[in-house]
């Protein structure tokens, strides 16, 4: 929820790296824009400890694309 994009728009293509924690290893994911500042994020591999209320930040390599807050539904 509350997803914002540095460039002001959803990235194309929707394949990005996602970091859940600052020191976490990025994980590849596919994004589906649900509208209204909400996304569905489908991770390529499981990430332990993902919790509602945490931030998720999206990258293309070293370039920060945007981020949002993890929701429980």
N, C-alpha and C. Protein backbone atom coordinates (compact mmCIF):
# COMPACT_ATOMS: atom_id res chain seq x y z
N UNK A 1 0.84 -1.19 0.00
CA UNK A 1 0.00 0.00 0.00
C UNK A 1 0.88 1.23 0.00
N UNK A 2 0.29 2.36 -0.33
CA UNK A 2 1.00 3.64 -0.34
C UNK A 2 2.26 3.62 -1.20
N UNK A 3 2.20 2.93 -2.32
CA UNK A 3 3.36 2.83 -3.21
C UNK A 3 3.57 4.14 -3.93
N UNK A 4 4.81 4.58 -3.95
CA UNK A 4 5.20 5.77 -4.71
C UNK A 4 6.38 5.42 -5.60
N UNK A 5 6.46 6.07 -6.73
CA UNK A 5 7.52 5.82 -7.72
C UNK A 5 8.38 7.06 -7.87
N UNK A 6 9.68 6.88 -7.89
CA UNK A 6 10.62 8.00 -8.04
C UNK A 6 10.32 8.73 -9.35
N UNK A 7 10.08 7.97 -10.43
CA UNK A 7 9.80 8.57 -11.74
C UNK A 7 8.34 9.00 -11.89
N UNK A 8 7.51 8.73 -10.86
CA UNK A 8 6.12 9.12 -10.90
C UNK A 8 5.21 8.16 -11.66
N UNK A 9 5.75 7.00 -12.08
CA UNK A 9 4.94 6.04 -12.83
C UNK A 9 5.41 4.61 -12.57
N UNK A 10 4.53 3.66 -12.82
CA UNK A 10 4.80 2.24 -12.69
C UNK A 10 5.92 1.85 -13.66
N UNK A 11 6.91 1.04 -13.22
CA UNK A 11 8.03 0.67 -14.10
C UNK A 11 7.60 -0.30 -15.21
N UNK A 12 8.20 -0.13 -16.38
CA UNK A 12 7.97 -1.04 -17.51
C UNK A 12 9.33 -1.50 -17.96
N UNK A 13 9.62 -2.81 -18.02
CA UNK A 13 8.74 -3.91 -17.66
C UNK A 13 8.61 -4.04 -16.14
N UNK A 14 7.58 -4.78 -15.70
CA UNK A 14 7.30 -4.87 -14.26
C UNK A 14 8.17 -5.87 -13.49
N UNK A 15 9.36 -6.21 -14.01
CA UNK A 15 10.30 -7.08 -13.29
C UNK A 15 11.29 -6.20 -12.56
N UNK A 16 11.39 -6.38 -11.25
CA UNK A 16 12.26 -5.54 -10.43
C UNK A 16 12.94 -6.39 -9.37
N UNK A 17 13.90 -5.79 -8.70
CA UNK A 17 14.48 -6.37 -7.49
C UNK A 17 13.76 -5.73 -6.31
N UNK A 18 13.49 -6.53 -5.28
CA UNK A 18 12.79 -6.05 -4.08
C UNK A 18 13.68 -6.29 -2.87
N UNK A 19 13.75 -5.28 -2.01
CA UNK A 19 14.42 -5.44 -0.71
C UNK A 19 13.40 -5.16 0.38
N UNK A 20 13.30 -6.09 1.33
CA UNK A 20 12.37 -5.94 2.44
C UNK A 20 13.05 -5.27 3.62
N UNK A 21 14.31 -5.54 3.81
CA UNK A 21 15.10 -4.92 4.88
C UNK A 21 16.31 -4.24 4.27
N UNK A 22 16.84 -3.24 4.95
CA UNK A 22 17.97 -2.45 4.44
C UNK A 22 19.14 -3.34 4.04
N UNK A 23 19.51 -4.30 4.88
CA UNK A 23 20.68 -5.14 4.60
C UNK A 23 20.34 -6.46 3.92
N UNK A 24 19.09 -6.63 3.53
CA UNK A 24 18.66 -7.87 2.89
C UNK A 24 19.20 -7.96 1.47
N UNK A 25 19.34 -9.20 1.00
CA UNK A 25 19.73 -9.44 -0.38
C UNK A 25 18.50 -9.19 -1.25
N UNK A 26 18.66 -8.46 -2.35
CA UNK A 26 17.51 -8.22 -3.23
C UNK A 26 16.99 -9.53 -3.82
N UNK A 27 15.68 -9.60 -4.02
CA UNK A 27 15.02 -10.75 -4.62
C UNK A 27 14.26 -10.27 -5.85
N UNK A 28 14.37 -11.00 -6.94
CA UNK A 28 13.63 -10.66 -8.15
C UNK A 28 12.14 -10.88 -7.93
N UNK A 29 11.34 -10.02 -8.54
CA UNK A 29 9.88 -10.11 -8.39
C UNK A 29 9.19 -9.53 -9.62
N UNK A 30 7.95 -9.93 -9.77
CA UNK A 30 7.08 -9.36 -10.80
C UNK A 30 5.99 -8.55 -10.08
N UNK A 31 5.75 -7.36 -10.57
CA UNK A 31 4.76 -6.46 -9.96
C UNK A 31 3.50 -6.41 -10.80
N UNK A 32 2.37 -6.36 -10.12
CA UNK A 32 1.09 -6.18 -10.77
C UNK A 32 0.43 -4.95 -10.13
N UNK A 33 0.25 -3.90 -10.91
CA UNK A 33 -0.34 -2.65 -10.41
C UNK A 33 -1.83 -2.84 -10.20
N UNK A 34 -2.28 -2.73 -8.95
CA UNK A 34 -3.69 -2.88 -8.61
C UNK A 34 -4.42 -1.54 -8.59
N UNK A 35 -3.68 -0.46 -8.78
CA UNK A 35 -4.27 0.88 -8.75
C UNK A 35 -4.39 1.40 -7.33
N UNK A 36 -4.59 2.67 -7.20
CA UNK A 36 -4.78 3.28 -5.89
C UNK A 36 -3.58 3.16 -4.97
N UNK A 37 -2.37 3.12 -5.54
CA UNK A 37 -1.16 3.01 -4.72
C UNK A 37 -0.92 1.62 -4.15
N UNK A 38 -1.56 0.60 -4.75
CA UNK A 38 -1.41 -0.78 -4.27
C UNK A 38 -0.81 -1.66 -5.39
N UNK A 39 -0.01 -2.64 -4.97
CA UNK A 39 0.62 -3.59 -5.89
C UNK A 39 0.42 -5.00 -5.36
N UNK A 40 0.48 -5.95 -6.26
CA UNK A 40 0.67 -7.35 -5.87
C UNK A 40 2.10 -7.66 -6.28
N UNK A 41 2.91 -8.15 -5.33
CA UNK A 41 4.31 -8.45 -5.57
C UNK A 41 4.49 -9.96 -5.51
N UNK A 42 4.92 -10.55 -6.61
CA UNK A 42 5.15 -12.00 -6.68
C UNK A 42 6.66 -12.24 -6.70
N UNK A 43 7.19 -12.68 -5.55
CA UNK A 43 8.63 -12.92 -5.41
C UNK A 43 9.02 -14.20 -6.12
N UNK A 44 10.21 -14.20 -6.75
CA UNK A 44 10.71 -15.40 -7.42
C UNK A 44 11.11 -16.49 -6.44
N UNK A 45 11.51 -16.09 -5.24
CA UNK A 45 11.90 -17.04 -4.20
C UNK A 45 11.40 -16.53 -2.85
N UNK A 46 11.17 -17.44 -1.90
CA UNK A 46 10.65 -17.02 -0.59
C UNK A 46 11.61 -16.10 0.16
N UNK A 47 11.04 -15.19 0.92
CA UNK A 47 11.80 -14.30 1.80
C UNK A 47 11.24 -14.49 3.20
N UNK A 48 12.10 -14.81 4.14
CA UNK A 48 11.68 -15.06 5.51
C UNK A 48 11.37 -13.75 6.24
N UNK A 49 10.36 -13.79 7.08
CA UNK A 49 10.08 -12.69 7.99
C UNK A 49 9.37 -11.49 7.39
N UNK A 50 8.73 -11.65 6.24
CA UNK A 50 7.98 -10.54 5.66
C UNK A 50 6.76 -10.27 6.54
N UNK A 51 6.60 -9.03 6.98
CA UNK A 51 5.55 -8.69 7.93
C UNK A 51 4.82 -7.42 7.49
N UNK A 52 3.51 -7.43 7.65
CA UNK A 52 2.73 -6.23 7.36
C UNK A 52 3.27 -5.05 8.16
N UNK A 53 3.35 -3.90 7.51
CA UNK A 53 3.85 -2.70 8.16
C UNK A 53 5.30 -2.40 7.80
N UNK A 54 6.03 -3.40 7.31
CA UNK A 54 7.41 -3.18 6.87
C UNK A 54 7.41 -2.49 5.52
N UNK A 55 8.52 -1.86 5.20
CA UNK A 55 8.68 -1.26 3.88
C UNK A 55 9.18 -2.28 2.88
N UNK A 56 8.84 -2.07 1.62
CA UNK A 56 9.39 -2.82 0.49
C UNK A 56 9.89 -1.78 -0.51
N UNK A 57 11.14 -1.93 -0.93
CA UNK A 57 11.74 -0.96 -1.85
C UNK A 57 12.10 -1.69 -3.14
N UNK A 58 11.80 -1.07 -4.27
CA UNK A 58 11.97 -1.67 -5.58
C UNK A 58 13.15 -1.04 -6.31
N UNK A 59 13.98 -1.89 -6.93
CA UNK A 59 15.20 -1.44 -7.60
C UNK A 59 15.32 -2.03 -8.99
N UNK A 60 16.06 -1.31 -9.84
CA UNK A 60 16.56 -1.81 -11.11
C UNK A 60 18.07 -1.68 -10.99
N UNK A 61 18.72 -2.76 -10.54
CA UNK A 61 20.15 -2.68 -10.22
C UNK A 61 20.36 -1.76 -9.04
N UNK A 62 21.16 -0.73 -9.22
CA UNK A 62 21.42 0.25 -8.15
C UNK A 62 20.39 1.39 -8.13
N UNK A 63 19.55 1.47 -9.14
CA UNK A 63 18.59 2.54 -9.27
C UNK A 63 17.33 2.25 -8.45
N UNK A 64 17.02 3.12 -7.50
CA UNK A 64 15.80 2.98 -6.70
C UNK A 64 14.62 3.46 -7.52
N UNK A 65 13.62 2.55 -7.69
CA UNK A 65 12.44 2.88 -8.49
C UNK A 65 11.32 3.44 -7.64
N UNK A 66 11.23 2.97 -6.38
CA UNK A 66 10.15 3.41 -5.49
C UNK A 66 9.98 2.44 -4.35
N UNK A 67 8.86 2.56 -3.66
CA UNK A 67 8.61 1.66 -2.54
C UNK A 67 7.24 1.87 -1.96
N UNK A 68 6.92 1.02 -0.99
CA UNK A 68 5.64 1.10 -0.33
C UNK A 68 5.65 0.31 0.97
N UNK A 69 4.51 0.20 1.59
CA UNK A 69 4.35 -0.51 2.86
C UNK A 69 3.67 -1.84 2.60
N UNK A 70 4.18 -2.90 3.20
CA UNK A 70 3.61 -4.24 3.06
C UNK A 70 2.28 -4.29 3.82
N UNK A 71 1.24 -4.73 3.12
CA UNK A 71 -0.09 -4.87 3.72
C UNK A 71 -0.37 -6.35 3.96
N UNK A 72 -1.30 -6.63 4.88
CA UNK A 72 -1.61 -8.03 5.18
C UNK A 72 -2.69 -8.59 4.28
N UNK A 73 -3.23 -7.82 3.39
CA UNK A 73 -4.20 -8.35 2.42
C UNK A 73 -4.14 -7.58 1.13
